[in-house]
Amino acid sequence: MLKDSMPGIPVTILTGFLGSGKTTLLNHILTNQKKLKTAVLVNEFGEIGIDNELIVKTDEDIIELTNGCICCTINGELLEAIGKILDSNKDIEYLIVETTGLADPLPVAMTINSARDRLRLDSIVTLVDAENFTDQTLKSDIARSQIIYGDILLVNKCDLVSEKELLYIESKLSEIKNSPRVLRSVNGNVPLPLLLSVGLFQSDRIAKDIHDHDHDHDHSHSHSHSHSHSHSHSQNEFSIEGFTSFSFQSKYPFSLRKFQDFLDNQISSNVYRAKGILWFEESEITHVFHLSGKRFTMEDTQKTSKRENKIVLIGKNLDRKRLYEKLDQCIAYKTQHKMED
């Protein structure tokens, strides 16, 4: 990929609802970018950082994590993090910001657009989960915003649905966004010239999208301030559109049989997304775990990770006490470990 010759460091925003495949796409980009010096900022929704351990590392990559709600600190924290990266790494050629699945990309885009002396917003890439797409998805203000403000709509996991379903998804996307630029992918595998340095972001078009979004769809939220979704903060819980997260950590290994039973019989249907780094008594290495909807994957890590269990679950009306108890019961030889402590 050729270095962009236009002024300002180009920025691509990766957005998309929970479990749509943003980190998989990011890893595809980092693996195939042909030594483009890229800085990456990742926003997570949860009490513990997971994504930093799920992202491919190369010599040029810099990972900055922002825990919590990106919109609430967007003007200060994001620009400060970008400034530190650019000041300490003069050779950076590209910047990628991966938002949490519960983030409206508009405030992120506007913040980056406000720093035009150093940055140039190239495009907003929105991933759409073909497998878990339903009419209910579009009832979320955040999911709609991600689609409406996306310069590229990447319908992902196309191998898991039929052509008829894909055509239906594309028709629904066209209903809420005029003339969408739609690509299809499996595991985020798309030729990078279609995604990076494409110059698709236009601030005047965003203004029109905001107008259309607010007037044609009769939404109760407003884009007149730094963020457009309703959420609440409390000492023990952080919520966006009713979604909360639960985090679990253990220095002891899980029993693979017990964890499989947890997934098959005990995890509740209101858990929409889960991800983690897992260590099982039966294995010498750690494993990357992803759950999206009813489907989960477990892959061997390609690097030496600290042997511990870290998992984040995101859903609605989560019974945090019950989730803790069930995951705690997955620890192998629980009684023996307690005696050792």
C-alpha atoms as a PDB file:
ATOM      1  CA  MET A   1       0.000   0.000   0.000  1.00  0.00           C
ATOM      2  CA  LEU A   2       1.374   3.382  -1.016  1.00  0.00           C
ATOM      3  CA  LYS A   3       1.863   6.113   1.530  1.00  0.00           C
ATOM      4  CA  ASP A   4      -0.881   8.748   1.307  1.00  0.00           C
ATOM      5  CA  SER A   5       0.470  11.980  -0.218  1.00  0.00           C
ATOM      6  CA  MET A   6      -2.332  14.300   0.934  1.00  0.00           C
ATOM      7  CA  PRO A   7      -1.731  16.614   3.933  1.00  0.00           C
ATOM      8  CA  GLY A   8      -2.575  15.370   7.416  1.00  0.00           C
ATOM      9  CA  ILE A   9      -2.252  11.831   8.731  1.00  0.00           C
ATOM     10  CA  PRO A  10      -5.209   9.790   7.443  1.00  0.00           C
ATOM     11  CA  VAL A  11      -7.510   8.253  10.038  1.00  0.00           C
ATOM     12  CA  THR A  12      -9.907   5.341   9.588  1.00  0.00           C
ATOM     13  CA  ILE A  13     -12.622   4.733  12.183  1.00  0.00           C
ATOM     14  CA  LEU A  14     -13.744   1.112  12.578  1.00  0.00           C
ATOM     15  CA  THR A  15     -17.197   0.838  14.084  1.00  0.00           C
ATOM     16  CA  GLY A  16     -20.011  -1.705  14.233  1.00  0.00           C
ATOM     17  CA  PHE A  17     -22.343  -3.267  16.765  1.00  0.00           C
ATOM     18  CA  LEU A  18     -21.364  -5.880  19.343  1.00  0.00           C
ATOM     19  CA  GLY A  19     -19.660  -8.918  17.837  1.00  0.00           C
ATOM     20  CA  SER A  20     -19.635  -7.682  14.242  1.00  0.00           C
ATOM     21  CA  GLY A  21     -15.939  -8.496  13.771  1.00  0.00           C
ATOM     22  CA  LYS A  22     -14.086  -5.200  14.254  1.00  0.00           C
ATOM     23  CA  THR A  23     -11.031  -6.726  15.923  1.00  0.00           C
ATOM     24  CA  THR A  24     -10.845  -9.453  13.264  1.00  0.00           C
ATOM     25  CA  LEU A  25     -10.890  -6.769  10.551  1.00  0.00           C
ATOM     26  CA  LEU A  26      -8.264  -4.767  12.435  1.00  0.00           C
ATOM     27  CA  ASN A  27      -6.008  -7.808  12.592  1.00  0.00           C
ATOM     28  CA  HIS A  28      -6.526  -8.360   8.848  1.00  0.00           C
ATOM     29  CA  ILE A  29      -5.438  -4.775   8.195  1.00  0.00           C
ATOM     30  CA  LEU A  30      -2.378  -4.974  10.449  1.00  0.00           C
ATOM     31  CA  THR A  31      -1.294  -8.307   8.978  1.00  0.00           C
ATOM     32  CA  ASN A  32      -1.583  -7.174   5.360  1.00  0.00           C
ATOM     33  CA  GLN A  33      -0.672  -3.489   5.452  1.00  0.00           C
ATOM     34  CA  LYS A  34       2.758  -4.001   3.887  1.00  0.00           C
ATOM     35  CA  LYS A  35       4.775  -2.144   6.520  1.00  0.00           C
ATOM     36  CA  LEU A  36       2.614   0.977   6.585  1.00  0.00           C
ATOM     37  CA  LYS A  37       3.506   2.552   9.945  1.00  0.00           C
ATOM     38  CA  THR A  38       0.169   2.401  11.722  1.00  0.00           C
ATOM     39  CA  ALA A  39      -0.940   3.534  15.150  1.00  0.00           C
ATOM     40  CA  VAL A  40      -4.020   1.905  16.647  1.00  0.00           C
ATOM     41  CA  LEU A  41      -6.347   3.193  19.362  1.00  0.00           C
ATOM     42  CA  VAL A  42      -8.889   0.803  20.800  1.00  0.00           C
ATOM     43  CA  ASN A  43     -11.906   1.704  22.917  1.00  0.00           C
ATOM     44  CA  GLU A  44     -13.309  -1.012  25.178  1.00  0.00           C
ATOM     45  CA  PHE A  45     -16.571  -1.437  27.050  1.00  0.00           C
ATOM     46  CA  GLY A  46     -15.783  -3.196  30.292  1.00  0.00           C
ATOM     47  CA  GLU A  47     -13.893  -3.015  33.552  1.00  0.00           C
ATOM     48  CA  ILE A  48     -10.820  -4.915  32.359  1.00  0.00           C
ATOM     49  CA  GLY A  49      -8.837  -4.559  29.161  1.00  0.00           C
ATOM     50  CA  ILE A  50      -9.056  -7.503  26.776  1.00  0.00           C
ATOM     51  CA  ASP A  51      -8.586  -6.113  23.277  1.00  0.00           C
ATOM     52  CA  ASN A  52      -4.935  -5.242  23.777  1.00  0.00           C
ATOM     53  CA  GLU A  53      -4.237  -8.978  23.976  1.00  0.00           C
ATOM     54  CA  LEU A  54      -6.413  -9.809  20.963  1.00  0.00           C
ATOM     55  CA  ILE A  55      -4.714  -7.508  18.460  1.00  0.00           C
ATOM     56  CA  VAL A  56      -1.873  -8.538  16.182  1.00  0.00           C
ATOM     57  CA  LYS A  57       1.346  -6.735  17.095  1.00  0.00           C
ATOM     58  CA  THR A  58       3.969  -5.549  14.606  1.00  0.00           C
ATOM     59  CA  ASP A  59       6.949  -3.261  15.109  1.00  0.00           C
ATOM     60  CA  GLU A  60       4.990  -0.216  13.899  1.00  0.00           C
ATOM     61  CA  ASP A  61       1.845  -0.699  15.980  1.00  0.00           C
ATOM     62  CA  ILE A  62       1.061   1.337  19.056  1.00  0.00           C
ATOM     63  CA  ILE A  63      -1.935   0.290  21.110  1.00  0.00           C
ATOM     64  CA  GLU A  64      -3.678   2.815  23.324  1.00  0.00           C
ATOM     65  CA  LEU A  65      -6.644   1.647  25.367  1.00  0.00           C
ATOM     66  CA  THR A  66      -9.489   3.851  26.518  1.00  0.00           C
ATOM     67  CA  ASN A  67     -11.709   2.031  28.986  1.00  0.00           C
ATOM     68  CA  GLY A  68     -15.321   3.104  29.330  1.00  0.00           C
ATOM     69  CA  CYS A  69     -17.436   5.357  27.168  1.00  0.00           C
ATOM     70  CA  ILE A  70     -15.439   6.970  24.403  1.00  0.00           C
ATOM     71  CA  CYS A  71     -17.992   9.740  23.878  1.00  0.00           C
ATOM     72  CA  CYS A  72     -17.785  11.096  27.419  1.00  0.00           C
ATOM     73  CA  THR A  73     -14.070  11.819  27.220  1.00  0.00           C
ATOM     74  CA  ILE A  74     -13.738  12.078  23.476  1.00  0.00           C
ATOM     75  CA  ASN A  75     -12.626  15.686  23.148  1.00  0.00           C
ATOM     76  CA  GLY A  76      -9.871  15.396  25.715  1.00  0.00           C
ATOM     77  CA  GLU A  77      -8.670  11.833  26.004  1.00  0.00           C
ATOM     78  CA  LEU A  78      -8.738  10.803  22.351  1.00  0.00           C
ATOM     79  CA  LEU A  79      -6.923  13.884  21.073  1.00  0.00           C
ATOM     80  CA  GLU A  80      -4.435  13.680  23.949  1.00  0.00           C
ATOM     81  CA  ALA A  81      -3.679  10.027  23.137  1.00  0.00           C
ATOM     82  CA  ILE A  82      -3.279  10.796  19.443  1.00  0.00           C
ATOM     83  CA  GLY A  83      -1.049  13.753  20.238  1.00  0.00           C
ATOM     84  CA  LYS A  84       1.242  11.627  22.380  1.00  0.00           C
ATOM     85  CA  ILE A  85       1.520   9.018  19.633  1.00  0.00           C
ATOM     86  CA  LEU A  86       2.341  11.511  16.900  1.00  0.00           C
ATOM     87  CA  ASP A  87       4.770  13.513  19.046  1.00  0.00           C
ATOM     88  CA  SER A  88       6.776  10.447  20.023  1.00  0.00           C
ATOM     89  CA  ASN A  89       6.584   8.653  16.668  1.00  0.00           C
ATOM     90  CA  LYS A  90       7.290  11.013  13.794  1.00  0.00           C
ATOM     91  CA  ASP A  91       7.136   8.229  11.203  1.00  0.00           C
ATOM     92  CA  ILE A  92       3.476   7.314  11.775  1.00  0.00           C
ATOM     93  CA  GLU A  93       1.720   7.162   8.396  1.00  0.00           C
ATOM     94  CA  TYR A  94      -1.766   6.004   9.337  1.00  0.00           C
ATOM     95  CA  LEU A  95      -4.089   5.953  12.330  1.00  0.00           C
ATOM     96  CA  ILE A  96      -6.912   3.512  13.044  1.00  0.00           C
ATOM     97  CA  VAL A  97      -9.471   4.046  15.795  1.00  0.00           C
ATOM     98  CA  GLU A  98     -11.576   1.013  16.739  1.00  0.00           C
ATOM     99  CA  THR A  99     -14.650   2.013  18.734  1.00  0.00           C
ATOM    100  CA  THR A 100     -16.549  -0.141  21.171  1.00  0.00           C
ATOM    101  CA  GLY A 101     -19.604  -1.850  19.709  1.00  0.00           C
ATOM    102  CA  LEU A 102     -21.780   0.512  21.741  1.00  0.00           C
ATOM    103  CA  ALA A 103     -20.295   3.760  20.427  1.00  0.00           C
ATOM    104  CA  ASP A 104     -21.874   6.286  18.092  1.00  0.00           C
ATOM    105  CA  PRO A 105     -19.072   7.088  15.601  1.00  0.00           C
ATOM    106  CA  LEU A 106     -20.235  10.676  15.067  1.00  0.00           C
ATOM    107  CA  PRO A 107     -18.501  12.302  18.084  1.00  0.00           C
ATOM    108  CA  VAL A 108     -15.341  10.365  17.266  1.00  0.00           C
ATOM    109  CA  ALA A 109     -15.450  11.637  13.695  1.00  0.00           C
ATOM    110  CA  MET A 110     -16.139  15.211  14.742  1.00  0.00           C
ATOM    111  CA  THR A 111     -13.274  15.160  17.245  1.00  0.00           C
ATOM    112  CA  ILE A 112     -10.807  13.912  14.638  1.00  0.00           C
ATOM    113  CA  ASN A 113     -12.168  16.401  12.114  1.00  0.00           C
ATOM    114  CA  SER A 114     -11.512  19.202  14.621  1.00  0.00           C
ATOM    115  CA  ALA A 115      -7.765  18.463  14.499  1.00  0.00           C
ATOM    116  CA  ARG A 116      -7.327  19.077  10.787  1.00  0.00           C
ATOM    117  CA  ASP A 117      -3.942  20.658  11.331  1.00  0.00           C
ATOM    118  CA  ARG A 118      -2.563  17.167  12.003  1.00  0.00           C
ATOM    119  CA  LEU A 119      -5.254  14.655  11.051  1.00  0.00           C
ATOM    120  CA  ARG A 120      -7.454  13.886   8.070  1.00  0.00           C
ATOM    121  CA  LEU A 121     -10.455  11.627   8.549  1.00  0.00           C
ATOM    122  CA  ASP A 122     -10.299   9.233   5.617  1.00  0.00           C
ATOM    123  CA  SER A 123     -13.415   7.152   6.217  1.00  0.00           C
ATOM    124  CA  ILE A 124     -15.747   5.514   8.711  1.00  0.00           C
ATOM    125  CA  VAL A 125     -15.984   1.763   8.135  1.00  0.00           C
ATOM    126  CA  THR A 126     -19.041   0.156   9.718  1.00  0.00           C
ATOM    127  CA  LEU A 127     -19.186  -3.604  10.121  1.00  0.00           C
ATOM    128  CA  VAL A 128     -22.592  -5.274   9.976  1.00  0.00           C
ATOM    129  CA  ASP A 129     -22.980  -8.745  11.502  1.00  0.00           C
ATOM    130  CA  ALA A 130     -24.833 -10.721   8.821  1.00  0.00           C
ATOM    131  CA  GLU A 131     -25.415 -13.738  11.071  1.00  0.00           C
ATOM    132  CA  ASN A 132     -27.015 -11.812  13.931  1.00  0.00           C
ATOM    133  CA  PHE A 133     -28.747  -9.089  11.916  1.00  0.00           C
ATOM    134  CA  THR A 134     -32.470  -8.715  12.634  1.00  0.00           C
ATOM    135  CA  ASP A 135     -35.083  -5.977  12.339  1.00  0.00           C
ATOM    136  CA  GLN A 136     -34.572  -5.533  16.079  1.00  0.00           C
ATOM    137  CA  THR A 137     -30.980  -4.488  15.415  1.00  0.00           C
ATOM    138  CA  LEU A 138     -32.146  -1.361  13.652  1.00  0.00           C
ATOM    139  CA  LYS A 139     -34.281  -0.315  16.623  1.00  0.00           C
ATOM    140  CA  SER A 140     -31.058   0.590  18.434  1.00  0.00           C
ATOM    141  CA  ASP A 141     -30.177   4.258  17.964  1.00  0.00           C
ATOM    142  CA  ILE A 142     -26.492   3.369  18.171  1.00  0.00           C
ATOM    143  CA  ALA A 143     -26.696   0.650  15.511  1.00  0.00           C
ATOM    144  CA  ARG A 144     -28.597   3.023  13.219  1.00  0.00           C
ATOM    145  CA  SER A 145     -26.046   5.778  13.770  1.00  0.00           C
ATOM    146  CA  GLN A 146     -23.209   3.398  12.957  1.00  0.00           C
ATOM    147  CA  ILE A 147     -24.897   2.577   9.654  1.00  0.00           C
ATOM    148  CA  ILE A 148     -25.988   6.109   8.767  1.00  0.00           C
ATOM    149  CA  TYR A 149     -22.569   7.663   9.356  1.00  0.00           C
ATOM    150  CA  GLY A 150     -20.591   4.816   7.794  1.00  0.00           C
ATOM    151  CA  ASP A 151     -18.806   5.691   4.555  1.00  0.00           C
ATOM    152  CA  ILE A 152     -18.375   1.970   3.912  1.00  0.00           C
ATOM    153  CA  LEU A 153     -20.824  -0.650   5.195  1.00  0.00           C
ATOM    154  CA  LEU A 154     -18.985  -3.957   5.432  1.00  0.00           C
ATOM    155  CA  VAL A 155     -21.456  -6.832   5.731  1.00  0.00           C
ATOM    156  CA  ASN A 156     -19.382  -9.437   7.550  1.00  0.00           C
ATOM    157  CA  LYS A 157     -19.792 -13.191   8.218  1.00  0.00           C
ATOM    158  CA  CYS A 158     -21.355 -13.667   4.794  1.00  0.00           C
ATOM    159  CA  ASP A 159     -20.441 -17.348   4.832  1.00  0.00           C
ATOM    160  CA  LEU A 160     -22.917 -17.956   7.656  1.00  0.00           C
ATOM    161  CA  VAL A 161     -26.074 -16.801   5.857  1.00  0.00           C
ATOM    162  CA  SER A 162     -27.790 -17.356   2.523  1.00  0.00           C
ATOM    163  CA  GLU A 163     -27.729 -15.058  -0.496  1.00  0.00           C
ATOM    164  CA  LYS A 164     -31.403 -14.302   0.132  1.00  0.00           C
ATOM    165  CA  GLU A 165     -30.589 -13.150   3.659  1.00  0.00           C
ATOM    166  CA  LEU A 166     -27.730 -10.993   2.404  1.00  0.00           C
ATOM    167  CA  LEU A 167     -29.983  -9.286  -0.122  1.00  0.00           C
ATOM    168  CA  TYR A 168     -32.521  -8.631   2.631  1.00  0.00           C
ATOM    169  CA  ILE A 169     -29.845  -7.087   4.862  1.00  0.00           C
ATOM    170  CA  GLU A 170     -28.667  -4.859   2.033  1.00  0.00           C
ATOM    171  CA  SER A 171     -32.242  -3.752   1.333  1.00  0.00           C
ATOM    172  CA  LYS A 172     -32.709  -2.795   4.999  1.00  0.00           C
ATOM    173  CA  LEU A 173     -29.436  -0.837   4.966  1.00  0.00           C
ATOM    174  CA  SER A 174     -30.655   1.055   1.906  1.00  0.00           C
ATOM    175  CA  GLU A 175     -33.840   1.986   3.747  1.00  0.00           C
ATOM    176  CA  ILE A 176     -31.987   3.986   6.391  1.00  0.00           C
ATOM    177  CA  LYS A 177     -28.989   5.225   4.372  1.00  0.00           C
ATOM    178  CA  ASN A 178     -29.137   6.785   0.939  1.00  0.00           C
ATOM    179  CA  SER A 179     -27.010   4.995  -1.679  1.00  0.00           C
ATOM    180  CA  PRO A 180     -24.850   3.063   0.792  1.00  0.00           C
ATOM    181  CA  ARG A 181     -21.443   1.806  -0.312  1.00  0.00           C
ATOM    182  CA  VAL A 182     -21.763  -1.870   0.673  1.00  0.00           C
ATOM    183  CA  LEU A 183     -19.027  -4.510   0.656  1.00  0.00           C
ATOM    184  CA  ARG A 184     -19.275  -8.145   1.709  1.00  0.00           C
ATOM    185  CA  SER A 185     -16.689 -10.082   3.664  1.00  0.00           C
ATOM    186  CA  VAL A 186     -15.860 -13.288   5.480  1.00  0.00           C
ATOM    187  CA  ASN A 187     -13.739 -12.757   8.603  1.00  0.00           C
ATOM    188  CA  GLY A 188     -13.208  -9.148   7.538  1.00  0.00           C
ATOM    189  CA  ASN A 189     -11.131 -10.281   4.560  1.00  0.00           C
ATOM    190  CA  VAL A 190     -11.319  -7.370   2.122  1.00  0.00           C
ATOM    191  CA  PRO A 191      -8.608  -5.969  -0.181  1.00  0.00           C
ATOM    192  CA  LEU A 192      -7.097  -3.075   1.766  1.00  0.00           C
ATOM    193  CA  PRO A 193      -7.217  -0.563  -1.129  1.00  0.00           C
ATOM    194  CA  LEU A 194     -11.010  -0.746  -0.749  1.00  0.00           C
ATOM    195  CA  LEU A 195     -10.804   0.316   2.922  1.00  0.00           C
ATOM    196  CA  LEU A 196      -7.730   2.491   3.520  1.00  0.00           C
ATOM    197  CA  SER A 197      -6.777   5.815   1.914  1.00  0.00           C
ATOM    198  CA  VAL A 198     -10.105   5.930   0.106  1.00  0.00           C
ATOM    199  CA  GLY A 199     -10.905   9.590   0.919  1.00  0.00           C
ATOM    200  CA  LEU A 200     -14.613   9.001   1.422  1.00  0.00           C
ATOM    201  CA  PHE A 201     -15.304  11.110   4.502  1.00  0.00           C
ATOM    202  CA  GLN A 202     -17.031  14.422   3.764  1.00  0.00           C
ATOM    203  CA  SER A 203     -18.001  16.678   6.645  1.00  0.00           C
ATOM    204  CA  ASP A 204     -20.727  18.398   4.633  1.00  0.00           C
ATOM    205  CA  ARG A 205     -22.323  15.056   3.877  1.00  0.00           C
ATOM    206  CA  ILE A 206     -22.257  14.181   7.577  1.00  0.00           C
ATOM    207  CA  ALA A 207     -24.203  17.364   8.287  1.00  0.00           C
ATOM    208  CA  LYS A 208     -26.836  16.259   5.775  1.00  0.00           C
ATOM    209  CA  ASP A 209     -26.945  12.767   7.327  1.00  0.00           C
ATOM    210  CA  ILE A 210     -27.525  14.304  10.758  1.00  0.00           C
ATOM    211  CA  HIS A 211     -30.416  16.346   9.374  1.00  0.00           C
ATOM    212  CA  ASP A 212     -31.962  13.328   7.626  1.00  0.00           C
ATOM    213  CA  HIS A 213     -31.405  11.106  10.659  1.00  0.00           C
ATOM    214  CA  ASP A 214     -33.101  13.514  13.073  1.00  0.00           C
ATOM    215  CA  HIS A 215     -36.072  14.417  10.887  1.00  0.00           C
ATOM    216  CA  ASP A 216     -36.861  11.337   8.828  1.00  0.00           C
ATOM    217  CA  HIS A 217     -36.673   8.770  11.627  1.00  0.00           C
ATOM    218  CA  ASP A 218     -38.239  10.675  14.547  1.00  0.00           C
ATOM    219  CA  HIS A 219     -35.573   9.768  17.091  1.00  0.00           C
ATOM    220  CA  SER A 220     -35.706  11.290  20.531  1.00  0.00           C
ATOM    221  CA  HIS A 221     -31.976  11.841  20.894  1.00  0.00           C
ATOM    222  CA  SER A 222     -30.078  14.902  19.776  1.00  0.00           C
ATOM    223  CA  HIS A 223     -26.762  15.419  17.995  1.00  0.00           C
ATOM    224  CA  SER A 224     -26.298  18.894  19.376  1.00  0.00           C
ATOM    225  CA  HIS A 225     -23.885  17.761  22.068  1.00  0.00           C
ATOM    226  CA  SER A 226     -20.878  15.506  22.342  1.00  0.00           C
ATOM    227  CA  HIS A 227     -22.783  12.246  22.278  1.00  0.00           C
ATOM    228  CA  SER A 228     -26.155  11.082  21.100  1.00  0.00           C
ATOM    229  CA  HIS A 229     -27.092   7.990  23.026  1.00  0.00           C
ATOM    230  CA  SER A 230     -28.653   7.733  26.442  1.00  0.00           C
ATOM    231  CA  HIS A 231     -26.520   6.050  29.063  1.00  0.00           C
ATOM    232  CA  SER A 232     -25.963   6.125  32.764  1.00  0.00           C
ATOM    233  CA  HIS A 233     -22.988   5.954  35.060  1.00  0.00           C
ATOM    234  CA  SER A 234     -22.936   4.679  38.600  1.00  0.00           C
ATOM    235  CA  GLN A 235     -20.277   3.503  40.972  1.00  0.00           C
ATOM    236  CA  ASN A 236     -20.750  -0.171  40.107  1.00  0.00           C
ATOM    237  CA  GLU A 237     -22.359  -0.165  36.697  1.00  0.00           C
ATOM    238  CA  PHE A 238     -21.947   1.520  33.331  1.00  0.00           C
ATOM    239  CA  SER A 239     -24.831   1.296  30.876  1.00  0.00           C
ATOM    240  CA  ILE A 240     -25.487   2.286  27.270  1.00  0.00           C
ATOM    241  CA  GLU A 241     -28.992   1.604  25.899  1.00  0.00           C
ATOM    242  CA  GLY A 242     -29.466  -0.883  28.725  1.00  0.00           C
ATOM    243  CA  PHE A 243     -26.254  -2.798  27.949  1.00  0.00           C
ATOM    244  CA  THR A 244     -23.902  -3.416  30.849  1.00  0.00           C
ATOM    245  CA  SER A 245     -20.711  -5.417  31.170  1.00  0.00           C
ATOM    246  CA  PHE A 246     -19.502  -8.000  33.651  1.00  0.00           C
ATOM    247  CA  SER A 247     -15.846  -8.888  34.056  1.00  0.00           C
ATOM    248  CA  PHE A 248     -14.285 -11.972  35.638  1.00  0.00           C
ATOM    249  CA  GLN A 249     -10.632 -12.711  36.385  1.00  0.00           C
ATOM    250  CA  SER A 250      -8.892 -15.674  37.976  1.00  0.00           C
ATOM    251  CA  LYS A 251      -5.270 -16.682  38.420  1.00  0.00           C
ATOM    252  CA  TYR A 252      -6.402 -20.321  38.373  1.00  0.00           C
ATOM    253  CA  PRO A 253      -7.267 -22.381  35.271  1.00  0.00           C
ATOM    254  CA  PHE A 254     -10.770 -23.312  34.204  1.00  0.00           C
ATOM    255  CA  SER A 255     -11.875 -26.888  33.735  1.00  0.00           C
ATOM    256  CA  LEU A 256     -12.663 -27.227  30.025  1.00  0.00           C
ATOM    257  CA  ARG A 257     -15.594 -29.538  30.806  1.00  0.00           C
ATOM    258  CA  LYS A 258     -17.060 -27.102  33.336  1.00  0.00           C
ATOM    259  CA  PHE A 259     -16.667 -24.107  31.042  1.00  0.00           C
ATOM    260  CA  GLN A 260     -18.272 -26.017  28.160  1.00  0.00           C
ATOM    261  CA  ASP A 261     -21.202 -26.815  30.444  1.00  0.00           C
ATOM    262  CA  PHE A 262     -21.441 -23.118  31.343  1.00  0.00           C
ATOM    263  CA  LEU A 263     -21.701 -22.200  27.657  1.00  0.00           C
ATOM    264  CA  ASP A 264     -24.124 -24.995  26.778  1.00  0.00           C
ATOM    265  CA  ASN A 265     -26.471 -24.910  29.750  1.00  0.00           C
ATOM    266  CA  GLN A 266     -25.914 -21.978  32.090  1.00  0.00           C
ATOM    267  CA  ILE A 267     -25.117 -18.774  30.218  1.00  0.00           C
ATOM    268  CA  SER A 268     -28.260 -16.696  29.826  1.00  0.00           C
ATOM    269  CA  SER A 269     -29.712 -15.558  26.504  1.00  0.00           C
ATOM    270  CA  ASN A 270     -29.374 -11.901  27.493  1.00  0.00           C
ATOM    271  CA  VAL A 271     -25.580 -12.142  27.121  1.00  0.00           C
ATOM    272  CA  TYR A 272     -25.065 -10.715  23.632  1.00  0.00           C
ATOM    273  CA  ARG A 273     -21.278 -10.619  23.496  1.00  0.00           C
ATOM    274  CA  ALA A 274     -18.328 -12.083  25.367  1.00  0.00           C
ATOM    275  CA  LYS A 275     -14.589 -12.137  24.806  1.00  0.00           C
ATOM    276  CA  GLY A 276     -11.631 -13.228  26.797  1.00  0.00           C
ATOM    277  CA  ILE A 277      -8.231 -14.817  27.231  1.00  0.00           C
ATOM    278  CA  LEU A 278      -8.781 -18.237  28.797  1.00  0.00           C
ATOM    279  CA  TRP A 279      -6.511 -20.798  30.450  1.00  0.00           C
ATOM    280  CA  PHE A 280      -7.667 -24.375  30.868  1.00  0.00           C
ATOM    281  CA  GLU A 281      -6.190 -27.028  33.089  1.00  0.00           C
ATOM    282  CA  GLU A 282      -6.153 -29.405  30.123  1.00  0.00           C
ATOM    283  CA  SER A 283      -4.004 -27.111  27.942  1.00  0.00           C
ATOM    284  CA  GLU A 284      -0.482 -25.714  28.101  1.00  0.00           C
ATOM    285  CA  ILE A 285      -1.359 -22.499  26.219  1.00  0.00           C
ATOM    286  CA  THR A 286      -3.928 -19.750  26.552  1.00  0.00           C
ATOM    287  CA  HIS A 287      -6.900 -19.391  24.214  1.00  0.00           C
ATOM    288  CA  VAL A 288      -8.768 -16.479  22.641  1.00  0.00           C
ATOM    289  CA  PHE A 289     -12.505 -16.727  23.284  1.00  0.00           C
ATOM    290  CA  HIS A 290     -15.264 -14.902  21.403  1.00  0.00           C
ATOM    291  CA  LEU A 291     -19.020 -15.236  21.784  1.00  0.00           C
ATOM    292  CA  SER A 292     -21.451 -13.364  19.550  1.00  0.00           C
ATOM    293  CA  GLY A 293     -25.121 -14.241  19.827  1.00  0.00           C
ATOM    294  CA  LYS A 294     -25.339 -18.014  20.050  1.00  0.00           C
ATOM    295  CA  ARG A 295     -22.033 -18.730  18.318  1.00  0.00           C
ATOM    296  CA  PHE A 296     -18.658 -18.921  20.041  1.00  0.00           C
ATOM    297  CA  THR A 297     -15.113 -19.600  18.925  1.00  0.00           C
ATOM    298  CA  MET A 298     -12.020 -20.706  20.801  1.00  0.00           C
ATOM    299  CA  GLU A 299      -8.613 -20.266  19.189  1.00  0.00           C
ATOM    300  CA  ASP A 300      -5.084 -20.964  20.365  1.00  0.00           C
ATOM    301  CA  THR A 301      -3.038 -17.859  21.030  1.00  0.00           C
ATOM    302  CA  GLN A 302      -0.062 -17.341  18.765  1.00  0.00           C
ATOM    303  CA  LYS A 303       2.055 -15.823  21.505  1.00  0.00           C
ATOM    304  CA  THR A 304       2.993 -16.493  25.102  1.00  0.00           C
ATOM    305  CA  SER A 305       0.356 -14.854  27.296  1.00  0.00           C
ATOM    306  CA  LYS A 306       0.235 -14.682  31.039  1.00  0.00           C
ATOM    307  CA  ARG A 307      -1.578 -17.785  32.246  1.00  0.00           C
ATOM    308  CA  GLU A 308      -4.762 -16.433  33.769  1.00  0.00           C
ATOM    309  CA  ASN A 309      -8.435 -16.133  32.930  1.00  0.00           C
ATOM    310  CA  LYS A 310      -9.868 -12.771  31.847  1.00  0.00           C
ATOM    311  CA  ILE A 311     -13.350 -12.589  30.371  1.00  0.00           C
ATOM    312  CA  VAL A 312     -15.836  -9.773  29.698  1.00  0.00           C
ATOM    313  CA  LEU A 313     -19.543 -10.397  29.070  1.00  0.00           C
ATOM    314  CA  ILE A 314     -21.873  -7.715  27.674  1.00  0.00           C
ATOM    315  CA  GLY A 315     -25.653  -7.906  27.770  1.00  0.00           C
ATOM    316  CA  LYS A 316     -28.880  -6.585  29.218  1.00  0.00           C
ATOM    317  CA  ASN A 317     -30.238  -7.199  32.713  1.00  0.00           C
ATOM    318  CA  LEU A 318     -27.159  -9.210  33.647  1.00  0.00           C
ATOM    319  CA  ASP A 319     -27.321 -11.085  36.937  1.00  0.00           C
ATOM    320  CA  ARG A 320     -23.788 -10.246  37.982  1.00  0.00           C
ATOM    321  CA  LYS A 321     -23.879 -12.331  41.160  1.00  0.00           C
ATOM    322  CA  ARG A 322     -25.059 -15.432  39.297  1.00  0.00           C
ATOM    323  CA  LEU A 323     -22.510 -14.948  36.502  1.00  0.00           C
ATOM    324  CA  TYR A 324     -19.720 -14.668  39.058  1.00  0.00           C
ATOM    325  CA  GLU A 325     -20.855 -17.820  40.844  1.00  0.00           C
ATOM    326  CA  LYS A 326     -21.146 -19.842  37.624  1.00  0.00           C
ATOM    327  CA  LEU A 327     -17.754 -18.754  36.291  1.00  0.00           C
ATOM    328  CA  ASP A 328     -16.173 -19.278  39.698  1.00  0.00           C
ATOM    329  CA  GLN A 329     -17.479 -22.846  39.605  1.00  0.00           C
ATOM    330  CA  CYS A 330     -15.656 -23.368  36.296  1.00  0.00           C
ATOM    331  CA  ILE A 331     -12.291 -23.161  38.051  1.00  0.00           C
ATOM    332  CA  ALA A 332     -10.621 -26.571  38.107  1.00  0.00           C
ATOM    333  CA  TYR A 333     -10.230 -28.220  41.503  1.00  0.00           C
ATOM    334  CA  LYS A 334     -11.773 -25.226  43.206  1.00  0.00           C
ATOM    335  CA  THR A 335     -11.594 -26.708  46.698  1.00  0.00           C
ATOM    336  CA  GLN A 336      -7.925 -27.599  46.361  1.00  0.00           C
ATOM    337  CA  HIS A 337      -7.012 -24.078  45.213  1.00  0.00           C
ATOM    338  CA  LYS A 338      -8.852 -22.529  48.141  1.00  0.00           C
ATOM    339  CA  MET A 339      -6.915 -24.757  50.548  1.00  0.00           C
ATOM    340  CA  GLU A 340      -3.638 -23.680  48.934  1.00  0.00           C
ATOM    341  CA  ASP A 341      -4.560 -20.018  49.456  1.00  0.00           C
END
